[in-house]
Protein backbone atom coordinates (compact mmCIF):
# COMPACT_ATOMS: atom_id res chain seq x y z
CA UNK A 1 0.00 0.00 0.00
CA UNK A 2 1.49 3.30 -1.08
CA UNK A 3 0.89 6.07 1.48
CA UNK A 4 -0.89 9.21 0.31
CA UNK A 5 1.16 12.39 -0.04
CA UNK A 6 0.42 14.30 3.16
CA UNK A 7 3.63 16.31 3.56
CA UNK A 8 3.19 20.06 3.64
CA UNK A 9 1.14 22.76 5.29
CA UNK A 10 -2.59 22.32 5.79
CA UNK A 11 -5.08 25.01 6.82
CA UNK A 12 -7.65 24.19 9.49
CA UNK A 13 -10.49 26.50 10.60
CA UNK A 14 -8.73 26.87 13.97
CA UNK A 15 -5.11 26.91 12.78
CA UNK A 16 -2.45 25.17 10.76
CA UNK A 17 -1.09 21.63 10.49
CA UNK A 18 2.50 21.25 9.27
CA UNK A 19 3.41 17.68 8.29
CA UNK A 20 6.70 16.02 7.40
CA UNK A 21 6.40 12.60 5.81
CA UNK A 22 8.88 9.77 5.60
CA UNK A 23 7.18 6.84 3.86
CA UNK A 24 4.21 6.05 6.15
CA UNK A 25 5.56 7.95 9.19
CA UNK A 26 4.43 11.50 9.95
CA UNK A 27 5.84 14.19 12.21
CA UNK A 28 5.10 17.87 12.51
CA UNK A 29 3.14 20.46 14.45
CA UNK A 30 -0.43 21.61 14.99
CA UNK A 31 -0.71 25.37 15.49
CA UNK A 32 -3.81 26.94 17.02
CA UNK A 33 -3.64 30.63 17.83
CA UNK A 34 -0.35 31.17 19.67
CA UNK A 35 -0.06 27.49 20.72
CA UNK A 36 2.10 25.09 18.72
CA UNK A 37 1.82 21.42 19.66
CA UNK A 38 4.03 18.64 18.26
CA UNK A 39 2.16 15.73 16.72
CA UNK A 40 2.94 12.20 17.88
CA UNK A 41 2.16 8.70 16.58
CA UNK A 42 1.71 10.09 13.05
CA UNK A 43 0.95 7.33 10.54
CA UNK A 44 -0.40 6.89 7.04
CA UNK A 45 -1.88 3.63 5.79
CA UNK A 46 -2.81 4.26 2.17
CA UNK A 47 -5.01 7.37 2.40
CA UNK A 48 -5.85 6.88 6.10
CA UNK A 49 -4.10 9.34 8.43
CA UNK A 50 -3.82 9.09 12.22
CA UNK A 51 -1.94 11.24 14.71
CA UNK A 52 -2.19 12.65 18.22
CA UNK A 53 -1.73 16.26 19.30
CA UNK A 54 -2.37 17.96 22.60
CA UNK A 55 -4.12 14.95 24.11
CA UNK A 56 -6.50 14.55 21.15
CA UNK A 57 -6.53 11.68 18.63
CA UNK A 58 -7.07 12.60 15.00
CA UNK A 59 -8.11 10.14 12.28
CA UNK A 60 -9.02 10.92 8.71
CA UNK A 61 -8.69 10.37 5.01
CA UNK A 62 -6.29 12.26 2.73
CA UNK A 63 -7.98 13.02 -0.59
CA UNK A 64 -5.83 15.15 -2.90
CA UNK A 65 -5.73 18.62 -1.34
CA UNK A 66 -8.13 17.86 1.53
CA UNK A 67 -8.19 15.82 4.73
CA UNK A 68 -11.46 15.01 6.50
CA UNK A 69 -11.95 12.96 9.61
CA UNK A 70 -12.77 12.69 13.28
CA UNK A 71 -11.08 13.97 16.41
CA UNK A 72 -11.49 12.52 19.87
CA UNK A 73 -10.34 14.10 23.13
CA UNK A 74 -11.37 12.33 26.30
CA UNK A 75 -15.16 12.00 26.29
CA UNK A 76 -15.70 14.58 23.54
CA UNK A 77 -15.43 13.99 19.82
CA UNK A 78 -16.05 15.90 16.63
CA UNK A 79 -15.09 16.28 13.00
CA UNK A 80 -12.05 18.02 11.55
CA UNK A 81 -11.18 19.20 8.07
CA UNK A 82 -8.04 20.63 6.50
CA UNK A 83 -7.12 21.93 3.06
CA UNK A 84 -3.63 22.06 1.61
CA UNK A 85 -2.23 25.59 1.92
CA UNK A 86 -2.05 27.48 -1.36
CA UNK A 87 -4.58 25.23 -3.12
PDB file of N, CA and C in Angstrom:
ATOM      1  N   UNK A   1       0.854  -1.181   0.000  1.00  0.00           N
ATOM      2  CA  UNK A   1       0.000   0.000   0.000  1.00  0.00           C
ATOM      3  C   UNK A   1       0.894   1.237   0.000  1.00  0.00           C
ATOM      4  N   UNK A   2       0.700   2.075  -0.980  1.00  0.00           N
ATOM      5  CA  UNK A   2       1.489   3.305  -1.083  1.00  0.00           C
ATOM      6  C   UNK A   2       0.795   4.386  -0.263  1.00  0.00           C
ATOM      7  N   UNK A   3       1.519   5.015   0.679  1.00  0.00           N
ATOM      8  CA  UNK A   3       0.885   6.068   1.476  1.00  0.00           C
ATOM      9  C   UNK A   3       0.573   7.299   0.634  1.00  0.00           C
ATOM     10  N   UNK A   4      -0.518   7.965   0.974  1.00  0.00           N
ATOM     11  CA  UNK A   4      -0.889   9.213   0.308  1.00  0.00           C
ATOM     12  C   UNK A   4       0.188  10.258   0.580  1.00  0.00           C
ATOM     13  N   UNK A   5       0.207  11.300  -0.244  1.00  0.00           N
ATOM     14  CA  UNK A   5       1.164  12.388  -0.038  1.00  0.00           C
ATOM     15  C   UNK A   5       0.531  13.409   0.911  1.00  0.00           C
ATOM     16  N   UNK A   6       1.002  13.410   2.148  1.00  0.00           N
ATOM     17  CA  UNK A   6       0.423  14.299   3.160  1.00  0.00           C
ATOM     18  C   UNK A   6       1.383  15.395   3.592  1.00  0.00           C
ATOM     19  N   UNK A   7       2.635  15.317   3.128  1.00  0.00           N
ATOM     20  CA  UNK A   7       3.625  16.311   3.558  1.00  0.00           C
ATOM     21  C   UNK A   7       3.207  17.703   3.127  1.00  0.00           C
ATOM     22  N   UNK A   8       3.467  18.671   3.993  1.00  0.00           N
ATOM     23  CA  UNK A   8       3.191  20.056   3.639  1.00  0.00           C
ATOM     24  C   UNK A   8       2.401  20.766   4.713  1.00  0.00           C
ATOM     25  N   UNK A   9       1.904  21.938   4.358  1.00  0.00           N
ATOM     26  CA  UNK A   9       1.142  22.765   5.287  1.00  0.00           C
ATOM     27  C   UNK A   9      -0.333  22.687   4.931  1.00  0.00           C
ATOM     28  N   UNK A  10      -1.143  22.464   5.943  1.00  0.00           N
ATOM     29  CA  UNK A  10      -2.591  22.325   5.793  1.00  0.00           C
ATOM     30  C   UNK A  10      -3.279  23.386   6.643  1.00  0.00           C
ATOM     31  N   UNK A  11      -4.315  24.001   6.084  1.00  0.00           N
ATOM     32  CA  UNK A  11      -5.082  25.014   6.815  1.00  0.00           C
ATOM     33  C   UNK A  11      -6.297  24.357   7.463  1.00  0.00           C
ATOM     34  N   UNK A  12      -6.477  24.631   8.751  1.00  0.00           N
ATOM     35  CA  UNK A  12      -7.655  24.193   9.487  1.00  0.00           C
ATOM     36  C   UNK A  12      -8.423  25.442   9.903  1.00  0.00           C
ATOM     37  N   UNK A  13      -9.740  25.317  10.151  1.00  0.00           N
ATOM     38  CA  UNK A  13     -10.490  26.502  10.602  1.00  0.00           C
ATOM     39  C   UNK A  13      -9.861  27.152  11.834  1.00  0.00           C
ATOM     40  N   UNK A  14      -9.280  26.338  12.723  1.00  0.00           N
ATOM     41  CA  UNK A  14      -8.727  26.872  13.968  1.00  0.00           C
ATOM     42  C   UNK A  14      -7.212  27.017  13.938  1.00  0.00           C
ATOM     43  N   UNK A  15      -6.565  26.777  12.803  1.00  0.00           N
ATOM     44  CA  UNK A  15      -5.108  26.912  12.785  1.00  0.00           C
ATOM     45  C   UNK A  15      -4.449  26.269  11.588  1.00  0.00           C
ATOM     46  N   UNK A  16      -3.281  25.685  11.839  1.00  0.00           N
ATOM     47  CA  UNK A  16      -2.453  25.166  10.759  1.00  0.00           C
ATOM     48  C   UNK A  16      -1.782  23.862  11.187  1.00  0.00           C
ATOM     49  N   UNK A  17      -1.744  22.918  10.269  1.00  0.00           N
ATOM     50  CA  UNK A  17      -1.094  21.631  10.493  1.00  0.00           C
ATOM     51  C   UNK A  17       0.088  21.544   9.537  1.00  0.00           C
ATOM     52  N   UNK A  18       1.295  21.373  10.090  1.00  0.00           N
ATOM     53  CA  UNK A  18       2.501  21.246   9.265  1.00  0.00           C
ATOM     54  C   UNK A  18       2.995  19.813   9.391  1.00  0.00           C
ATOM     55  N   UNK A  19       3.032  19.089   8.269  1.00  0.00           N
ATOM     56  CA  UNK A  19       3.409  17.678   8.291  1.00  0.00           C
ATOM     57  C   UNK A  19       4.689  17.418   7.522  1.00  0.00           C
ATOM     58  N   UNK A  20       5.533  16.565   8.093  1.00  0.00           N
ATOM     59  CA  UNK A  20       6.699  16.021   7.401  1.00  0.00           C
ATOM     60  C   UNK A  20       6.428  14.537   7.261  1.00  0.00           C
ATOM     61  N   UNK A  21       6.713  13.998   6.087  1.00  0.00           N
ATOM     62  CA  UNK A  21       6.398  12.601   5.809  1.00  0.00           C
ATOM     63  C   UNK A  21       7.641  11.842   5.401  1.00  0.00           C
ATOM     64  N   UNK A  22       7.833  10.686   6.002  1.00  0.00           N
ATOM     65  CA  UNK A  22       8.884   9.767   5.600  1.00  0.00           C
ATOM     66  C   UNK A  22       8.235   8.406   5.431  1.00  0.00           C
ATOM     67  N   UNK A  23       7.952   8.039   4.180  1.00  0.00           N
ATOM     68  CA  UNK A  23       7.178   6.840   3.857  1.00  0.00           C
ATOM     69  C   UNK A  23       5.827   6.932   4.568  1.00  0.00           C
ATOM     70  N   UNK A  24       5.515   6.003   5.482  1.00  0.00           N
ATOM     71  CA  UNK A  24       4.211   6.051   6.149  1.00  0.00           C
ATOM     72  C   UNK A  24       4.252   6.753   7.508  1.00  0.00           C
ATOM     73  N   UNK A  25       5.425   7.286   7.893  1.00  0.00           N
ATOM     74  CA  UNK A  25       5.561   7.945   9.195  1.00  0.00           C
ATOM     75  C   UNK A  25       5.400   9.461   9.042  1.00  0.00           C
ATOM     76  N   UNK A  26       4.666  10.059   9.982  1.00  0.00           N
ATOM     77  CA  UNK A  26       4.434  11.503   9.949  1.00  0.00           C
ATOM     78  C   UNK A  26       4.953  12.162  11.216  1.00  0.00           C
ATOM     79  N   UNK A  27       5.488  13.349  11.066  1.00  0.00           N
ATOM     80  CA  UNK A  27       5.835  14.186  12.210  1.00  0.00           C
ATOM     81  C   UNK A  27       5.414  15.597  11.843  1.00  0.00           C
ATOM     82  N   UNK A  28       5.456  16.490  12.811  1.00  0.00           N
ATOM     83  CA  UNK A  28       5.097  17.867  12.508  1.00  0.00           C
ATOM     84  C   UNK A  28       4.489  18.572  13.691  1.00  0.00           C
ATOM     85  N   UNK A  29       3.741  19.650  13.397  1.00  0.00           N
ATOM     86  CA  UNK A  29       3.136  20.459  14.453  1.00  0.00           C
ATOM     87  C   UNK A  29       1.711  20.852  14.088  1.00  0.00           C
ATOM     88  N   UNK A  30       0.928  21.079  15.129  1.00  0.00           N
ATOM     89  CA  UNK A  30      -0.428  21.607  14.992  1.00  0.00           C
ATOM     90  C   UNK A  30      -0.438  22.952  15.704  1.00  0.00           C
ATOM     91  N   UNK A  31      -0.747  24.011  14.943  1.00  0.00           N
ATOM     92  CA  UNK A  31      -0.713  25.366  15.485  1.00  0.00           C
ATOM     93  C   UNK A  31      -2.140  25.885  15.599  1.00  0.00           C
ATOM     94  N   UNK A  32      -2.489  26.366  16.781  1.00  0.00           N
ATOM     95  CA  UNK A  32      -3.813  26.936  17.015  1.00  0.00           C
ATOM     96  C   UNK A  32      -3.619  28.219  17.809  1.00  0.00           C
ATOM     97  N   UNK A  33      -3.907  29.343  17.188  1.00  0.00           N
ATOM     98  CA  UNK A  33      -3.642  30.629  17.831  1.00  0.00           C
ATOM     99  C   UNK A  33      -2.155  30.774  18.091  1.00  0.00           C
ATOM    100  N   UNK A  34      -1.770  31.025  19.347  1.00  0.00           N
ATOM    101  CA  UNK A  34      -0.347  31.166  19.668  1.00  0.00           C
ATOM    102  C   UNK A  34       0.251  29.859  20.178  1.00  0.00           C
ATOM    103  N   UNK A  35      -0.549  28.796  20.238  1.00  0.00           N
ATOM    104  CA  UNK A  35      -0.060  27.495  20.715  1.00  0.00           C
ATOM    105  C   UNK A  35       0.404  26.623  19.558  1.00  0.00           C
ATOM    106  N   UNK A  36       1.598  26.046  19.688  1.00  0.00           N
ATOM    107  CA  UNK A  36       2.101  25.086  18.715  1.00  0.00           C
ATOM    108  C   UNK A  36       2.374  23.785  19.453  1.00  0.00           C
ATOM    109  N   UNK A  37       1.718  22.717  19.006  1.00  0.00           N
ATOM    110  CA  UNK A  37       1.819  21.415  19.657  1.00  0.00           C
ATOM    111  C   UNK A  37       2.453  20.418  18.704  1.00  0.00           C
ATOM    112  N   UNK A  38       3.478  19.671  19.141  1.00  0.00           N
ATOM    113  CA  UNK A  38       4.033  18.638  18.261  1.00  0.00           C
ATOM    114  C   UNK A  38       3.043  17.490  18.095  1.00  0.00           C
ATOM    115  N   UNK A  39       3.010  16.902  16.904  1.00  0.00           N
ATOM    116  CA  UNK A  39       2.157  15.730  16.723  1.00  0.00           C
ATOM    117  C   UNK A  39       2.978  14.479  17.035  1.00  0.00           C
ATOM    118  N   UNK A  40       2.297  13.464  17.537  1.00  0.00           N
ATOM    119  CA  UNK A  40       2.939  12.198  17.876  1.00  0.00           C
ATOM    120  C   UNK A  40       2.159  11.059  17.237  1.00  0.00           C
ATOM    121  N   UNK A  41       2.795   9.911  17.143  1.00  0.00           N
ATOM    122  CA  UNK A  41       2.165   8.703  16.582  1.00  0.00           C
ATOM    123  C   UNK A  41       1.561   8.946  15.203  1.00  0.00           C
ATOM    124  N   UNK A  42       2.222   9.783  14.389  1.00  0.00           N
ATOM    125  CA  UNK A  42       1.707  10.087  13.055  1.00  0.00           C
ATOM    126  C   UNK A  42       1.947   8.934  12.096  1.00  0.00           C
ATOM    127  N   UNK A  43       0.867   8.459  11.468  1.00  0.00           N
ATOM    128  CA  UNK A  43       0.954   7.327  10.536  1.00  0.00           C
ATOM    129  C   UNK A  43       0.032   7.535   9.345  1.00  0.00           C
ATOM    130  N   UNK A  44       0.443   6.958   8.232  1.00  0.00           N
ATOM    131  CA  UNK A  44      -0.401   6.888   7.042  1.00  0.00           C
ATOM    132  C   UNK A  44      -0.478   5.440   6.603  1.00  0.00           C
ATOM    133  N   UNK A  45      -1.679   4.961   6.363  1.00  0.00           N
ATOM    134  CA  UNK A  45      -1.878   3.634   5.786  1.00  0.00           C
ATOM    135  C   UNK A  45      -2.733   3.856   4.553  1.00  0.00           C
ATOM    136  N   UNK A  46      -2.091   3.867   3.381  1.00  0.00           N
ATOM    137  CA  UNK A  46      -2.810   4.256   2.171  1.00  0.00           C
ATOM    138  C   UNK A  46      -3.212   5.713   2.307  1.00  0.00           C
ATOM    139  N   UNK A  47      -4.543   5.986   2.249  1.00  0.00           N
ATOM    140  CA  UNK A  47      -5.013   7.369   2.398  1.00  0.00           C
ATOM    141  C   UNK A  47      -5.534   7.656   3.810  1.00  0.00           C
ATOM    142  N   UNK A  48      -5.369   6.702   4.727  1.00  0.00           N
ATOM    143  CA  UNK A  48      -5.854   6.876   6.104  1.00  0.00           C
ATOM    144  C   UNK A  48      -4.754   7.497   6.972  1.00  0.00           C
ATOM    145  N   UNK A  49      -5.068   8.619   7.599  1.00  0.00           N
ATOM    146  CA  UNK A  49      -4.100   9.335   8.432  1.00  0.00           C
ATOM    147  C   UNK A  49      -4.526   9.244   9.897  1.00  0.00           C
ATOM    148  N   UNK A  50      -3.563   9.043  10.780  1.00  0.00           N
ATOM    149  CA  UNK A  50      -3.819   9.087  12.223  1.00  0.00           C
ATOM    150  C   UNK A  50      -2.654   9.798  12.901  1.00  0.00           C
ATOM    151  N   UNK A  51      -2.972  10.617  13.884  1.00  0.00           N
ATOM    152  CA  UNK A  51      -1.940  11.243  14.709  1.00  0.00           C
ATOM    153  C   UNK A  51      -2.581  11.765  15.986  1.00  0.00           C
ATOM    154  N   UNK A  52      -1.735  12.058  16.960  1.00  0.00           N
ATOM    155  CA  UNK A  52      -2.190  12.649  18.220  1.00  0.00           C
ATOM    156  C   UNK A  52      -1.539  14.014  18.379  1.00  0.00           C
ATOM    157  N   UNK A  53      -2.270  14.927  19.006  1.00  0.00           N
ATOM    158  CA  UNK A  53      -1.726  16.261  19.296  1.00  0.00           C
ATOM    159  C   UNK A  53      -2.487  16.845  20.472  1.00  0.00           C
ATOM    160  N   UNK A  54      -1.756  17.296  21.463  1.00  0.00           N
ATOM    161  CA  UNK A  54      -2.373  17.960  22.604  1.00  0.00           C
ATOM    162  C   UNK A  54      -3.407  17.118  23.323  1.00  0.00           C
ATOM    163  N   UNK A  55      -3.185  15.817  23.403  1.00  0.00           N
ATOM    164  CA  UNK A  55      -4.123  14.946  24.106  1.00  0.00           C
ATOM    165  C   UNK A  55      -5.317  14.511  23.279  1.00  0.00           C
ATOM    166  N   UNK A  56      -5.392  14.937  22.028  1.00  0.00           N
ATOM    167  CA  UNK A  56      -6.496  14.547  21.148  1.00  0.00           C
ATOM    168  C   UNK A  56      -5.989  13.570  20.094  1.00  0.00           C
ATOM    169  N   UNK A  57      -6.861  12.638  19.686  1.00  0.00           N
ATOM    170  CA  UNK A  57      -6.527  11.680  18.631  1.00  0.00           C
ATOM    171  C   UNK A  57      -7.265  12.069  17.358  1.00  0.00           C
ATOM    172  N   UNK A  58      -6.502  12.226  16.286  1.00  0.00           N
ATOM    173  CA  UNK A  58      -7.068  12.596  14.995  1.00  0.00           C
ATOM    174  C   UNK A  58      -7.004  11.403  14.052  1.00  0.00           C
ATOM    175  N   UNK A  59      -8.099  11.141  13.345  1.00  0.00           N
ATOM    176  CA  UNK A  59      -8.112  10.141  12.284  1.00  0.00           C
ATOM    177  C   UNK A  59      -8.755  10.800  11.073  1.00  0.00           C
ATOM    178  N   UNK A  60      -8.417  10.321   9.889  1.00  0.00           N
ATOM    179  CA  UNK A  60      -9.020  10.918   8.713  1.00  0.00           C
ATOM    180  C   UNK A  60      -8.552  10.275   7.429  1.00  0.00           C
ATOM    181  N   UNK A  61      -9.006  10.867   6.331  1.00  0.00           N
ATOM    182  CA  UNK A  61      -8.686  10.374   5.005  1.00  0.00           C
ATOM    183  C   UNK A  61      -8.108  11.524   4.183  1.00  0.00           C
ATOM    184  N   UNK A  62      -6.934  11.279   3.605  1.00  0.00           N
ATOM    185  CA  UNK A  62      -6.294  12.262   2.729  1.00  0.00           C
ATOM    186  C   UNK A  62      -6.841  12.048   1.327  1.00  0.00           C
ATOM    187  N   UNK A  63      -7.410  13.104   0.752  1.00  0.00           N
ATOM    188  CA  UNK A  63      -7.975  13.016  -0.590  1.00  0.00           C
ATOM    189  C   UNK A  63      -7.490  14.224  -1.385  1.00  0.00           C
ATOM    190  N   UNK A  64      -6.390  14.046  -2.117  1.00  0.00           N
ATOM    191  CA  UNK A  64      -5.829  15.151  -2.897  1.00  0.00           C
ATOM    192  C   UNK A  64      -5.386  16.289  -2.003  1.00  0.00           C
ATOM    193  N   UNK A  65      -6.091  17.433  -2.113  1.00  0.00           N
ATOM    194  CA  UNK A  65      -5.727  18.619  -1.340  1.00  0.00           C
ATOM    195  C   UNK A  65      -6.618  18.833  -0.125  1.00  0.00           C
ATOM    196  N   UNK A  66      -7.252  17.748   0.362  1.00  0.00           N
ATOM    197  CA  UNK A  66      -8.127  17.856   1.532  1.00  0.00           C
ATOM    198  C   UNK A  66      -7.936  16.658   2.454  1.00  0.00           C
ATOM    199  N   UNK A  67      -8.149  16.895   3.732  1.00  0.00           N
ATOM    200  CA  UNK A  67      -8.194  15.821   4.725  1.00  0.00           C
ATOM    201  C   UNK A  67      -9.488  16.028   5.505  1.00  0.00           C
ATOM    202  N   UNK A  68     -10.261  14.950   5.682  1.00  0.00           N
ATOM    203  CA  UNK A  68     -11.461  15.015   6.504  1.00  0.00           C
ATOM    204  C   UNK A  68     -11.454  13.844   7.443  1.00  0.00           C
ATOM    205  N   UNK A  69     -11.928  14.067   8.673  1.00  0.00           N
ATOM    206  CA  UNK A  69     -11.950  12.962   9.612  1.00  0.00           C
ATOM    207  C   UNK A  69     -12.580  13.318  10.931  1.00  0.00           C
ATOM    208  N   UNK A  70     -12.209  12.535  11.949  1.00  0.00           N
ATOM    209  CA  UNK A  70     -12.772  12.687  13.284  1.00  0.00           C
ATOM    210  C   UNK A  70     -11.660  12.971  14.277  1.00  0.00           C
ATOM    211  N   UNK A  71     -12.017  13.686  15.323  1.00  0.00           N
ATOM    212  CA  UNK A  71     -11.075  13.975  16.406  1.00  0.00           C
ATOM    213  C   UNK A  71     -11.749  13.596  17.718  1.00  0.00           C
ATOM    214  N   UNK A  72     -10.969  12.969  18.584  1.00  0.00           N
ATOM    215  CA  UNK A  72     -11.492  12.519  19.874  1.00  0.00           C
ATOM    216  C   UNK A  72     -10.552  12.993  20.971  1.00  0.00           C
ATOM    217  N   UNK A  73     -11.126  13.627  21.988  1.00  0.00           N
ATOM    218  CA  UNK A  73     -10.343  14.098  23.126  1.00  0.00           C
ATOM    219  C   UNK A  73     -11.122  13.767  24.393  1.00  0.00           C
ATOM    220  N   UNK A  74     -10.658  12.769  25.108  1.00  0.00           N
ATOM    221  CA  UNK A  74     -11.375  12.332  26.301  1.00  0.00           C
ATOM    222  C   UNK A  74     -12.760  11.843  25.929  1.00  0.00           C
ATOM    223  N   UNK A  75     -13.784  12.416  26.547  1.00  0.00           N
ATOM    224  CA  UNK A  75     -15.160  11.996  26.286  1.00  0.00           C
ATOM    225  C   UNK A  75     -15.786  12.748  25.116  1.00  0.00           C
ATOM    226  N   UNK A  76     -15.119  13.802  24.639  1.00  0.00           N
ATOM    227  CA  UNK A  76     -15.704  14.576  23.544  1.00  0.00           C
ATOM    228  C   UNK A  76     -15.102  14.174  22.203  1.00  0.00           C
ATOM    229  N   UNK A  77     -15.913  14.294  21.168  1.00  0.00           N
ATOM    230  CA  UNK A  77     -15.434  13.988  19.820  1.00  0.00           C
ATOM    231  C   UNK A  77     -16.111  14.924  18.829  1.00  0.00           C
ATOM    232  N   UNK A  78     -15.501  15.027  17.658  1.00  0.00           N
ATOM    233  CA  UNK A  78     -16.050  15.896  16.630  1.00  0.00           C
ATOM    234  C   UNK A  78     -15.397  15.601  15.297  1.00  0.00           C
ATOM    235  N   UNK A  79     -15.665  16.459  14.334  1.00  0.00           N
ATOM    236  CA  UNK A  79     -15.089  16.285  13.004  1.00  0.00           C
ATOM    237  C   UNK A  79     -14.008  17.346  12.794  1.00  0.00           C
ATOM    238  N   UNK A  80     -13.056  17.028  11.922  1.00  0.00           N
ATOM    239  CA  UNK A  80     -12.050  18.020  11.547  1.00  0.00           C
ATOM    240  C   UNK A  80     -11.827  17.952  10.052  1.00  0.00           C
ATOM    241  N   UNK A  81     -11.372  19.076   9.509  1.00  0.00           N
ATOM    242  CA  UNK A  81     -11.183  19.200   8.071  1.00  0.00           C
ATOM    243  C   UNK A  81      -9.993  20.118   7.834  1.00  0.00           C
ATOM    244  N   UNK A  82      -9.186  19.786   6.846  1.00  0.00           N
ATOM    245  CA  UNK A  82      -8.041  20.629   6.501  1.00  0.00           C
ATOM    246  C   UNK A  82      -7.902  20.686   4.989  1.00  0.00           C
ATOM    247  N   UNK A  83      -7.411  21.807   4.485  1.00  0.00           N
ATOM    248  CA  UNK A  83      -7.119  21.934   3.062  1.00  0.00           C
ATOM    249  C   UNK A  83      -5.656  22.319   2.907  1.00  0.00           C
ATOM    250  N   UNK A  84      -5.043  21.780   1.855  1.00  0.00           N
ATOM    251  CA  UNK A  84      -3.629  22.055   1.605  1.00  0.00           C
ATOM    252  C   UNK A  84      -3.447  23.548   1.357  1.00  0.00           C
ATOM    253  N   UNK A  85      -2.485  24.150   2.049  1.00  0.00           N
ATOM    254  CA  UNK A  85      -2.229  25.589   1.918  1.00  0.00           C
ATOM    255  C   UNK A  85      -1.842  25.921   0.481  1.00  0.00           C
ATOM    256  N   UNK A  86      -2.387  27.027  -0.019  1.00  0.00           N
ATOM    257  CA  UNK A  86      -2.052  27.480  -1.358  1.00  0.00           C
ATOM    258  C   UNK A  86      -2.815  26.775  -2.458  1.00  0.00           C
ATOM    259  N   UNK A  87      -3.788  25.949  -2.103  1.00  0.00           N
ATOM    260  CA  UNK A  87      -4.582  25.235  -3.121  1.00  0.00           C
ATOM    261  C   UNK A  87      -6.022  25.701  -3.106  1.00  0.00           C
TER     262      UNK A  87
END
